[in-house]
PDB file of N, CA and C in Angstrom:
ATOM      1  N   MET A   1      12.329 127.467 -46.868  1.00  0.00           N
ATOM      2  CA  MET A   1      13.680 127.131 -47.260  1.00  0.00           C
ATOM      3  C   MET A   1      13.611 125.960 -48.232  1.00  0.00           C
ATOM      4  N   SER A   2      14.319 126.054 -49.342  1.00  0.00           N
ATOM      5  CA  SER A   2      14.286 124.985 -50.332  1.00  0.00           C
ATOM      6  C   SER A   2      14.988 123.749 -49.788  1.00  0.00           C
ATOM      7  N   GLU A   3      14.677 122.612 -50.390  1.00  0.00           N
ATOM      8  CA  GLU A   3      15.257 121.341 -49.934  1.00  0.00           C
ATOM      9  C   GLU A   3      16.777 121.353 -50.032  1.00  0.00           C
ATOM     10  N   SER A   4      17.343 121.879 -51.143  1.00  0.00           N
ATOM     11  CA  SER A   4      18.795 121.879 -51.287  1.00  0.00           C
ATOM     12  C   SER A   4      19.450 122.833 -50.289  1.00  0.00           C
ATOM     13  N   LEU A   5      18.825 123.980 -50.011  1.00  0.00           N
ATOM     14  CA  LEU A   5      19.366 124.906 -49.025  1.00  0.00           C
ATOM     15  C   LEU A   5      19.293 124.289 -47.633  1.00  0.00           C
ATOM     16  N   SER A   6      18.202 123.598 -47.351  1.00  0.00           N
ATOM     17  CA  SER A   6      18.049 122.925 -46.073  1.00  0.00           C
ATOM     18  C   SER A   6      19.145 121.874 -45.887  1.00  0.00           C
ATOM     19  N   ARG A   7      19.458 121.152 -46.935  1.00  0.00           N
ATOM     20  CA  ARG A   7      20.491 120.116 -46.880  1.00  0.00           C
ATOM     21  C   ARG A   7      21.855 120.731 -46.588  1.00  0.00           C
ATOM     22  N   VAL A   8      22.144 121.880 -47.179  1.00  0.00           N
ATOM     23  CA  VAL A   8      23.426 122.554 -46.981  1.00  0.00           C
ATOM     24  C   VAL A   8      23.575 123.019 -45.531  1.00  0.00           C
ATOM     25  N   ARG A   9      22.477 123.373 -44.888  1.00  0.00           N
ATOM     26  CA  ARG A   9      22.504 123.907 -43.525  1.00  0.00           C
ATOM     27  C   ARG A   9      22.284 122.838 -42.442  1.00  0.00           C
ATOM     28  N   ARG A  10      22.005 121.612 -42.850  1.00  0.00           N
ATOM     29  CA  ARG A  10      21.770 120.537 -41.876  1.00  0.00           C
ATOM     30  C   ARG A  10      23.098 120.105 -41.259  1.00  0.00           C
ATOM     31  N   GLY A  11      23.163 120.099 -39.945  1.00  0.00           N
ATOM     32  CA  GLY A  11      24.374 119.684 -39.253  1.00  0.00           C
ATOM     33  C   GLY A  11      24.558 118.183 -39.331  1.00  0.00           C
ATOM     34  N   VAL A  12      25.624 117.763 -39.978  1.00  0.00           N
ATOM     35  CA  VAL A  12      25.871 116.329 -40.144  1.00  0.00           C
ATOM     36  C   VAL A  12      27.256 115.902 -39.666  1.00  0.00           C
ATOM     37  N   TYR A  13      28.195 116.836 -39.546  1.00  0.00           N
ATOM     38  CA  TYR A  13      29.566 116.490 -39.185  1.00  0.00           C
ATOM     39  C   TYR A  13      29.806 116.748 -37.700  1.00  0.00           C
ATOM     40  N   GLY A  14      30.355 115.764 -37.013  1.00  0.00           N
ATOM     41  CA  GLY A  14      30.808 115.980 -35.654  1.00  0.00           C
ATOM     42  C   GLY A  14      32.079 116.821 -35.668  1.00  0.00           C
ATOM     43  N   ILE A  15      32.516 117.239 -34.501  1.00  0.00           N
ATOM     44  CA  ILE A  15      33.671 118.130 -34.426  1.00  0.00           C
ATOM     45  C   ILE A  15      34.944 117.469 -34.951  1.00  0.00           C
ATOM     46  N   SER A  16      35.115 116.168 -34.719  1.00  0.00           N
ATOM     47  CA  SER A  16      36.336 115.500 -35.200  1.00  0.00           C
ATOM     48  C   SER A  16      36.347 115.400 -36.723  1.00  0.00           C
ATOM     49  N   VAL A  17      35.186 115.149 -37.321  1.00  0.00           N
ATOM     50  CA  VAL A  17      35.103 115.087 -38.786  1.00  0.00           C
ATOM     51  C   VAL A  17      35.315 116.482 -39.369  1.00  0.00           C
ATOM     52  N   MET A  18      34.702 117.484 -38.755  1.00  0.00           N
ATOM     53  CA  MET A  18      34.887 118.858 -39.228  1.00  0.00           C
ATOM     54  C   MET A  18      36.354 119.257 -39.153  1.00  0.00           C
ATOM     55  N   SER A  19      37.010 118.868 -38.079  1.00  0.00           N
ATOM     56  CA  SER A  19      38.426 119.157 -37.917  1.00  0.00           C
ATOM     57  C   SER A  19      39.244 118.490 -39.018  1.00  0.00           C
ATOM     58  N   GLU A  20      38.923 117.243 -39.306  1.00  0.00           N
ATOM     59  CA  GLU A  20      39.637 116.511 -40.346  1.00  0.00           C
ATOM     60  C   GLU A  20      39.391 117.120 -41.731  1.00  0.00           C
ATOM     61  N   LEU A  21      38.137 117.478 -42.010  1.00  0.00           N
ATOM     62  CA  LEU A  21      37.807 118.055 -43.322  1.00  0.00           C
ATOM     63  C   LEU A  21      38.467 119.408 -43.543  1.00  0.00           C
ATOM     64  N   SER A  22      38.596 120.177 -42.471  1.00  0.00           N
ATOM     65  CA  SER A  22      39.062 121.555 -42.604  1.00  0.00           C
ATOM     66  C   SER A  22      40.533 121.755 -42.274  1.00  0.00           C
ATOM     67  N   GLY A  23      41.108 120.826 -41.515  1.00  0.00           N
ATOM     68  CA  GLY A  23      42.474 121.022 -41.055  1.00  0.00           C
ATOM     69  C   GLY A  23      42.565 121.968 -39.869  1.00  0.00           C
ATOM     70  N   VAL A  24      41.427 122.327 -39.295  1.00  0.00           N
ATOM     71  CA  VAL A  24      41.359 123.215 -38.133  1.00  0.00           C
ATOM     72  C   VAL A  24      41.097 122.352 -36.907  1.00  0.00           C
ATOM     73  N   GLY A  25      41.889 122.535 -35.872  1.00  0.00           N
ATOM     74  CA  GLY A  25      41.774 121.718 -34.673  1.00  0.00           C
ATOM     75  C   GLY A  25      40.470 121.933 -33.919  1.00  0.00           C
ATOM     76  N   PRO A  26      40.037 120.920 -33.169  1.00  0.00           N
ATOM     77  CA  PRO A  26      38.798 121.024 -32.396  1.00  0.00           C
ATOM     78  C   PRO A  26      38.774 122.210 -31.425  1.00  0.00           C
ATOM     79  N   GLN A  27      39.900 122.497 -30.776  1.00  0.00           N
ATOM     80  CA  GLN A  27      39.939 123.629 -29.844  1.00  0.00           C
ATOM     81  C   GLN A  27      39.709 124.947 -30.588  1.00  0.00           C
ATOM     82  N   THR A  28      40.250 125.053 -31.777  1.00  0.00           N
ATOM     83  CA  THR A  28      40.049 126.268 -32.574  1.00  0.00           C
ATOM     84  C   THR A  28      38.599 126.369 -33.027  1.00  0.00           C
ATOM     85  N   LEU A  29      37.993 125.247 -33.373  1.00  0.00           N
ATOM     86  CA  LEU A  29      36.570 125.253 -33.735  1.00  0.00           C
ATOM     87  C   LEU A  29      35.726 125.739 -32.558  1.00  0.00           C
ATOM     88  N   ARG A  30      36.066 125.268 -31.359  1.00  0.00           N
ATOM     89  CA  ARG A  30      35.333 125.714 -30.168  1.00  0.00           C
ATOM     90  C   ARG A  30      35.535 127.209 -29.925  1.00  0.00           C
ATOM     91  N   LEU A  31      36.766 127.686 -30.145  1.00  0.00           N
ATOM     92  CA  LEU A  31      37.062 129.117 -30.005  1.00  0.00           C
ATOM     93  C   LEU A  31      36.232 129.933 -30.989  1.00  0.00           C
ATOM     94  N   TYR A  32      36.181 129.492 -32.237  1.00  0.00           N
ATOM     95  CA  TYR A  32      35.401 130.211 -33.249  1.00  0.00           C
ATOM     96  C   TYR A  32      33.923 130.245 -32.874  1.00  0.00           C
ATOM     97  N   GLU A  33      33.440 129.175 -32.259  1.00  0.00           N
ATOM     98  CA  GLU A  33      32.047 129.175 -31.806  1.00  0.00           C
ATOM     99  C   GLU A  33      31.859 130.175 -30.663  1.00  0.00           C
ATOM    100  N   ARG A  34      32.769 130.169 -29.705  1.00  0.00           N
ATOM    101  CA  ARG A  34      32.665 131.118 -28.574  1.00  0.00           C
ATOM    102  C   ARG A  34      32.706 132.561 -29.057  1.00  0.00           C
ATOM    103  N   ARG A  35      33.465 132.817 -30.117  1.00  0.00           N
ATOM    104  CA  ARG A  35      33.591 134.168 -30.655  1.00  0.00           C
ATOM    105  C   ARG A  35      32.457 134.527 -31.617  1.00  0.00           C
ATOM    106  N   GLY A  36      31.543 133.593 -31.856  1.00  0.00           N
ATOM    107  CA  GLY A  36      30.397 133.878 -32.707  1.00  0.00           C
ATOM    108  C   GLY A  36      30.662 133.778 -34.194  1.00  0.00           C
ATOM    109  N   LEU A  37      31.762 133.136 -34.570  1.00  0.00           N
ATOM    110  CA  LEU A  37      32.093 133.006 -35.985  1.00  0.00           C
ATOM    111  C   LEU A  37      31.425 131.786 -36.615  1.00  0.00           C
ATOM    112  N   LEU A  38      31.219 130.762 -35.841  1.00  0.00           N
ATOM    113  CA  LEU A  38      30.533 129.546 -36.285  1.00  0.00           C
ATOM    114  C   LEU A  38      29.399 129.250 -35.306  1.00  0.00           C
ATOM    115  N   THR A  39      28.310 128.746 -35.828  1.00  0.00           N
ATOM    116  CA  THR A  39      27.182 128.382 -34.963  1.00  0.00           C
ATOM    117  C   THR A  39      26.659 127.006 -35.361  1.00  0.00           C
ATOM    118  N   PRO A  40      27.390 125.953 -34.968  1.00  0.00           N
ATOM    119  CA  PRO A  40      26.914 124.609 -35.306  1.00  0.00           C
ATOM    120  C   PRO A  40      25.606 124.322 -34.579  1.00  0.00           C
ATOM    121  N   THR A  41      24.816 123.448 -35.178  1.00  0.00           N
ATOM    122  CA  THR A  41      23.607 123.009 -34.483  1.00  0.00           C
ATOM    123  C   THR A  41      24.034 122.068 -33.364  1.00  0.00           C
ATOM    124  N   ARG A  42      23.102 121.766 -32.480  1.00  0.00           N
ATOM    125  CA  ARG A  42      23.384 120.857 -31.371  1.00  0.00           C
ATOM    126  C   ARG A  42      22.350 119.746 -31.365  1.00  0.00           C
ATOM    127  N   THR A  43      22.798 118.556 -31.058  1.00  0.00           N
ATOM    128  CA  THR A  43      21.867 117.449 -30.862  1.00  0.00           C
ATOM    129  C   THR A  43      21.162 117.647 -29.531  1.00  0.00           C
ATOM    130  N   ASP A  44      20.157 116.845 -29.250  1.00  0.00           N
ATOM    131  CA  ASP A  44      19.471 116.922 -27.968  1.00  0.00           C
ATOM    132  C   ASP A  44      20.441 116.700 -26.804  1.00  0.00           C
ATOM    133  N   GLY A  45      21.487 115.931 -27.050  1.00  0.00           N
ATOM    134  CA  GLY A  45      22.489 115.682 -26.021  1.00  0.00           C
ATOM    135  C   GLY A  45      23.569 116.747 -25.942  1.00  0.00           C
ATOM    136  N   GLY A  46      23.506 117.762 -26.831  1.00  0.00           N
ATOM    137  CA  GLY A  46      24.460 118.860 -26.789  1.00  0.00           C
ATOM    138  C   GLY A  46      25.669 118.709 -27.695  1.00  0.00           C
ATOM    139  N   THR A  47      25.724 117.639 -28.484  1.00  0.00           N
ATOM    140  CA  THR A  47      26.850 117.429 -29.390  1.00  0.00           C
ATOM    141  C   THR A  47      26.773 118.401 -30.562  1.00  0.00           C
ATOM    142  N   ARG A  48      27.910 119.012 -30.884  1.00  0.00           N
ATOM    143  CA  ARG A  48      27.969 119.925 -32.030  1.00  0.00           C
ATOM    144  C   ARG A  48      27.811 119.145 -33.325  1.00  0.00           C
ATOM    145  N   ARG A  49      27.060 119.729 -34.262  1.00  0.00           N
ATOM    146  CA  ARG A  49      26.917 119.180 -35.601  1.00  0.00           C
ATOM    147  C   ARG A  49      27.118 120.306 -36.603  1.00  0.00           C
ATOM    148  N   TYR A  50      28.128 120.138 -37.447  1.00  0.00           N
ATOM    149  CA  TYR A  50      28.474 121.155 -38.433  1.00  0.00           C
ATOM    150  C   TYR A  50      27.882 120.795 -39.792  1.00  0.00           C
ATOM    151  N   SER A  51      27.534 121.809 -40.558  1.00  0.00           N
ATOM    152  CA  SER A  51      26.919 121.640 -41.872  1.00  0.00           C
ATOM    153  C   SER A  51      27.912 122.001 -42.981  1.00  0.00           C
ATOM    154  N   GLU A  52      27.488 121.765 -44.210  1.00  0.00           N
ATOM    155  CA  GLU A  52      28.279 122.207 -45.363  1.00  0.00           C
ATOM    156  C   GLU A  52      28.444 123.725 -45.337  1.00  0.00           C
ATOM    157  N   ALA A  53      27.395 124.444 -44.934  1.00  0.00           N
ATOM    158  CA  ALA A  53      27.477 125.905 -44.836  1.00  0.00           C
ATOM    159  C   ALA A  53      28.528 126.308 -43.794  1.00  0.00           C
ATOM    160  N   ASP A  54      28.581 125.584 -42.673  1.00  0.00           N
ATOM    161  CA  ASP A  54      29.609 125.854 -41.659  1.00  0.00           C
ATOM    162  C   ASP A  54      31.003 125.615 -42.223  1.00  0.00           C
ATOM    163  N   LEU A  55      31.150 124.566 -43.021  1.00  0.00           N
ATOM    164  CA  LEU A  55      32.448 124.270 -43.628  1.00  0.00           C
ATOM    165  C   LEU A  55      32.863 125.388 -44.580  1.00  0.00           C
ATOM    166  N   THR A  56      31.924 125.902 -45.353  1.00  0.00           N
ATOM    167  CA  THR A  56      32.208 127.027 -46.248  1.00  0.00           C
ATOM    168  C   THR A  56      32.627 128.258 -45.448  1.00  0.00           C
ATOM    169  N   THR A  57      31.901 128.534 -44.376  1.00  0.00           N
ATOM    170  CA  THR A  57      32.245 129.670 -43.513  1.00  0.00           C
ATOM    171  C   THR A  57      33.623 129.469 -42.902  1.00  0.00           C
ATOM    172  N   LEU A  58      33.916 128.264 -42.458  1.00  0.00           N
ATOM    173  CA  LEU A  58      35.217 127.977 -41.862  1.00  0.00           C
ATOM    174  C   LEU A  58      36.341 128.192 -42.867  1.00  0.00           C
ATOM    175  N   ARG A  59      36.121 127.827 -44.099  1.00  0.00           N
ATOM    176  CA  ARG A  59      37.147 128.065 -45.135  1.00  0.00           C
ATOM    177  C   ARG A  59      37.376 129.566 -45.320  1.00  0.00           C
ATOM    178  N   ARG A  60      36.305 130.350 -45.247  1.00  0.00           N
ATOM    179  CA  ARG A  60      36.437 131.811 -45.349  1.00  0.00           C
ATOM    180  C   ARG A  60      37.198 132.355 -44.144  1.00  0.00           C
ATOM    181  N   ILE A  61      36.871 131.864 -42.956  1.00  0.00           N
ATOM    182  CA  ILE A  61      37.566 132.288 -41.740  1.00  0.00           C
ATOM    183  C   ILE A  61      39.058 131.981 -41.858  1.00  0.00           C
ATOM    184  N   THR A  62      39.382 130.767 -42.301  1.00  0.00           N
ATOM    185  CA  THR A  62      40.778 130.356 -42.445  1.00  0.00           C
ATOM    186  C   THR A  62      41.522 131.257 -43.419  1.00  0.00           C
ATOM    187  N   ALA A  63      40.881 131.602 -44.528  1.00  0.00           N
ATOM    188  CA  ALA A  63      41.509 132.497 -45.506  1.00  0.00           C
ATOM    189  C   ALA A  63      41.776 133.873 -44.895  1.00  0.00           C
ATOM    190  N   LEU A  64      40.816 134.371 -44.123  1.00  0.00           N
ATOM    191  CA  LEU A  64      40.994 135.684 -43.495  1.00  0.00           C
ATOM    192  C   LEU A  64      42.080 135.642 -42.429  1.00  0.00           C
ATOM    193  N   VAL A  65      42.146 134.562 -41.651  1.00  0.00           N
ATOM    194  CA  VAL A  65      43.227 134.403 -40.668  1.00  0.00           C
ATOM    195  C   VAL A  65      44.570 134.389 -41.392  1.00  0.00           C
ATOM    196  N   ASP A  66      44.641 133.646 -42.495  1.00  0.00           N
ATOM    197  CA  ASP A  66      45.882 133.577 -43.273  1.00  0.00           C
ATOM    198  C   ASP A  66      46.290 134.948 -43.816  1.00  0.00           C
ATOM    199  N   ASP A  67      45.301 135.813 -44.042  1.00  0.00           N
ATOM    200  CA  ASP A  67      45.577 137.178 -44.512  1.00  0.00           C
ATOM    201  C   ASP A  67      45.930 138.124 -43.369  1.00  0.00           C
ATOM    202  N   GLY A  68      45.902 137.622 -42.137  1.00  0.00           N
ATOM    203  CA  GLY A  68      46.303 138.416 -40.997  1.00  0.00           C
ATOM    204  C   GLY A  68      45.183 139.170 -40.298  1.00  0.00           C
ATOM    205  N   VAL A  69      43.931 138.842 -40.603  1.00  0.00           N
ATOM    206  CA  VAL A  69      42.793 139.520 -39.980  1.00  0.00           C
ATOM    207  C   VAL A  69      42.529 138.878 -38.614  1.00  0.00           C
ATOM    208  N   ASN A  70      42.311 139.712 -37.595  1.00  0.00           N
ATOM    209  CA  ASN A  70      42.018 139.168 -36.266  1.00  0.00           C
ATOM    210  C   ASN A  70      40.560 138.723 -36.189  1.00  0.00           C
ATOM    211  N   LEU A  71      40.204 138.019 -35.110  1.00  0.00           N
ATOM    212  CA  LEU A  71      38.873 137.415 -35.014  1.00  0.00           C
ATOM    213  C   LEU A  71      37.758 138.452 -34.955  1.00  0.00           C
ATOM    214  N   THR A  72      38.016 139.587 -34.319  1.00  0.00           N
ATOM    215  CA  THR A  72      37.014 140.654 -34.290  1.00  0.00           C
ATOM    216  C   THR A  72      36.767 141.176 -35.703  1.00  0.00           C
ATOM    217  N   GLY A  73      37.838 141.364 -36.444  1.00  0.00           N
ATOM    218  CA  GLY A  73      37.716 141.813 -37.836  1.00  0.00           C
ATOM    219  C   GLY A  73      37.001 140.781 -38.694  1.00  0.00           C
ATOM    220  N   ILE A  74      37.292 139.523 -38.456  1.00  0.00           N
ATOM    221  CA  ILE A  74      36.639 138.460 -39.217  1.00  0.00           C
ATOM    222  C   ILE A  74      35.141 138.466 -38.949  1.00  0.00           C
ATOM    223  N   ARG A  75      34.746 138.636 -37.695  1.00  0.00           N
ATOM    224  CA  ARG A  75      33.321 138.676 -37.369  1.00  0.00           C
ATOM    225  C   ARG A  75      32.639 139.828 -38.113  1.00  0.00           C
ATOM    226  N   THR A  76      33.296 140.974 -38.168  1.00  0.00           N
ATOM    227  CA  THR A  76      32.746 142.133 -38.889  1.00  0.00           C
ATOM    228  C   THR A  76      32.647 141.849 -40.383  1.00  0.00           C
ATOM    229  N   ILE A  77      33.686 141.281 -40.943  1.00  0.00           N
ATOM    230  CA  ILE A  77      33.695 140.968 -42.377  1.00  0.00           C
ATOM    231  C   ILE A  77      32.590 139.970 -42.716  1.00  0.00           C
ATOM    232  N   LEU A  78      32.457 138.909 -41.923  1.00  0.00           N
ATOM    233  CA  LEU A  78      31.418 137.904 -42.183  1.00  0.00           C
ATOM    234  C   LEU A  78      30.022 138.521 -42.098  1.00  0.00           C
ATOM    235  N   ALA A  79      29.811 139.402 -41.117  1.00  0.00           N
ATOM    236  CA  ALA A  79      28.502 140.061 -40.983  1.00  0.00           C
ATOM    237  C   ALA A  79      28.219 140.949 -42.186  1.00  0.00           C
ATOM    238  N   LEU A  80      29.214 141.687 -42.631  1.00  0.00           N
ATOM    239  CA  LEU A  80      29.028 142.565 -43.792  1.00  0.00           C
ATOM    240  C   LEU A  80      28.802 141.758 -45.069  1.00  0.00           C
ATOM    241  N   GLU A  81      29.514 140.652 -45.213  1.00  0.00           N
ATOM    242  CA  GLU A  81      29.311 139.800 -46.386  1.00  0.00           C
ATOM    243  C   GLU A  81      27.907 139.202 -46.394  1.00  0.00           C
ATOM    244  N   ALA A  82      27.429 138.783 -45.224  1.00  0.00           N
ATOM    245  CA  ALA A  82      26.070 138.228 -45.130  1.00  0.00           C
ATOM    246  C   ALA A  82      25.044 139.299 -45.476  1.00  0.00           C
ATOM    247  N   GLU A  83      25.228 140.489 -44.937  1.00  0.00           N
ATOM    248  CA  GLU A  83      24.306 141.591 -45.234  1.00  0.00           C
ATOM    249  C   GLU A  83      24.327 141.934 -46.721  1.00  0.00           C
ATOM    250  N   ASN A  84      25.507 141.934 -47.313  1.00  0.00           N
ATOM    251  CA  ASN A  84      25.639 142.219 -48.735  1.00  0.00           C
ATOM    252  C   ASN A  84      24.906 141.170 -49.572  1.00  0.00           C
ATOM    253  N   SER A  85      24.995 139.913 -49.192  1.00  0.00           N
ATOM    254  CA  SER A  85      24.299 138.841 -49.916  1.00  0.00           C
ATOM    255  C   SER A  85      22.788 139.021 -49.840  1.00  0.00           C
ATOM    256  N   ILE A  86      22.298 139.387 -48.661  1.00  0.00           N
ATOM    257  CA  ILE A  86      20.862 139.616 -48.492  1.00  0.00           C
ATOM    258  C   ILE A  86      20.404 140.784 -49.357  1.00  0.00           C
ATOM    259  N   LEU A  87      21.173 141.866 -49.342  1.00  0.00           N
ATOM    260  CA  LEU A  87      20.804 143.038 -50.139  1.00  0.00           C
ATOM    261  C   LEU A  87      20.870 142.748 -51.640  1.00  0.00           C
ATOM    262  N   ALA A  88      21.867 141.965 -52.058  1.00  0.00           N
ATOM    263  CA  ALA A  88      21.980 141.608 -53.473  1.00  0.00           C
ATOM    264  C   ALA A  88      20.787 140.759 -53.911  1.00  0.00           C
ATOM    265  N   ALA A  89      20.374 139.820 -53.068  1.00  0.00           N
ATOM    266  CA  ALA A  89      19.208 138.991 -53.395  1.00  0.00           C
ATOM    267  C   ALA A  89      17.946 139.838 -53.460  1.00  0.00           C
ATOM    268  N   ARG A  90      17.836 140.779 -52.557  1.00  0.00           N
ATOM    269  CA  ARG A  90      16.672 141.675 -52.544  1.00  0.00           C
ATOM    270  C   ARG A  90      16.649 142.538 -53.799  1.00  0.00           C
ATOM    271  N   LEU A  91      17.806 143.009 -54.232  1.00  0.00           N
ATOM    272  CA  LEU A  91      17.896 143.818 -55.439  1.00  0.00           C
ATOM    273  C   LEU A  91      17.454 143.019 -56.663  1.00  0.00           C
ATOM    274  N   VAL A  92      17.877 141.775 -56.736  1.00  0.00           N
ATOM    275  CA  VAL A  92      17.452 140.906 -57.842  1.00  0.00           C
ATOM    276  C   VAL A  92      15.940 140.732 -57.806  1.00  0.00           C
ATOM    277  N   GLN A  93      15.411 140.499 -56.614  1.00  0.00           N
ATOM    278  CA  GLN A  93      13.973 140.315 -56.462  1.00  0.00           C
ATOM    279  C   GLN A  93      13.217 141.559 -56.897  1.00  0.00           C
ATOM    280  N   LEU A  94      13.702 142.722 -56.531  1.00  0.00           N
ATOM    281  CA  LEU A  94      13.035 143.974 -56.900  1.00  0.00           C
ATOM    282  C   LEU A  94      13.184 144.296 -58.383  1.00  0.00           C
ATOM    283  N   SER A  95      14.231 143.754 -59.008  1.00  0.00           N
ATOM    284  CA  SER A  95      14.483 144.012 -60.434  1.00  0.00           C
ATOM    285  C   SER A  95      13.639 143.140 -61.342  1.00  0.00           C
ATOM    286  N   GLU A  96      13.083 142.048 -60.797  1.00  0.00           N
ATOM    287  CA  GLU A  96      12.267 141.153 -61.615  1.00  0.00           C
ATOM    288  C   GLU A  96      10.926 141.813 -61.914  1.00  0.00           C
ATOM    289  N   PRO A  97      10.442 141.627 -63.142  1.00  0.00           N
ATOM    290  CA  PRO A  97       9.150 142.218 -63.480  1.00  0.00           C
ATOM    291  C   PRO A  97       8.033 141.615 -62.632  1.00  0.00           C
ATOM    292  N   ALA A  98       7.114 142.445 -62.231  1.00  0.00           N
ATOM    293  CA  ALA A  98       5.992 141.993 -61.414  1.00  0.00           C
ATOM    294  C   ALA A  98       5.060 141.129 -62.262  1.00  0.00           C
ATOM    295  N   ASP A  99       4.574 140.046 -61.679  1.00  0.00           N
ATOM    296  CA  ASP A  99       3.629 139.174 -62.350  1.00  0.00           C
ATOM    297  C   ASP A  99       2.230 139.751 -62.126  1.00  0.00           C
ATOM    298  N   CYS A 100       1.630 140.251 -63.213  1.00  0.00           N
ATOM    299  CA  CYS A 100       0.328 140.914 -63.101  1.00  0.00           C
ATOM    300  C   CYS A 100      -0.815 139.918 -63.215  1.00  0.00           C
ATOM    301  N   GLY A 101      -0.508 138.636 -63.182  1.00  0.00           N
ATOM    302  CA  GLY A 101      -1.569 137.631 -63.262  1.00  0.00           C
ATOM    303  C   GLY A 101      -2.115 137.459 -64.653  1.00  0.00           C
ATOM    304  N   ALA A 102      -1.376 137.860 -65.644  1.00  0.00           N
ATOM    305  CA  ALA A 102      -1.854 137.762 -67.040  1.00  0.00           C
ATOM    306  C   ALA A 102      -1.775 136.378 -67.564  1.00  0.00           C
TER     307      ALA A 102
END
């Protein structure tokens, strides 16, 4: 994992800061975690730590909720979007010319 990607995924925000940044209440954040929509890292003491990637995901969840999608539908959409991103990256990788060591 590259350094910048690692930084994006490092849990740095506590639940109260995440709530303030996103406008989503702590109870809703806990609900989203129970439903598998968010997976914050945990400290050794069990404290949730949210990353920039979690904040991006939360913004997507909020947009889908605002569009009237239920949590089960959101979980499906997020999974399909993640799979699509992986496949798109793989397609780019396969499209690059092979390095023949020349």
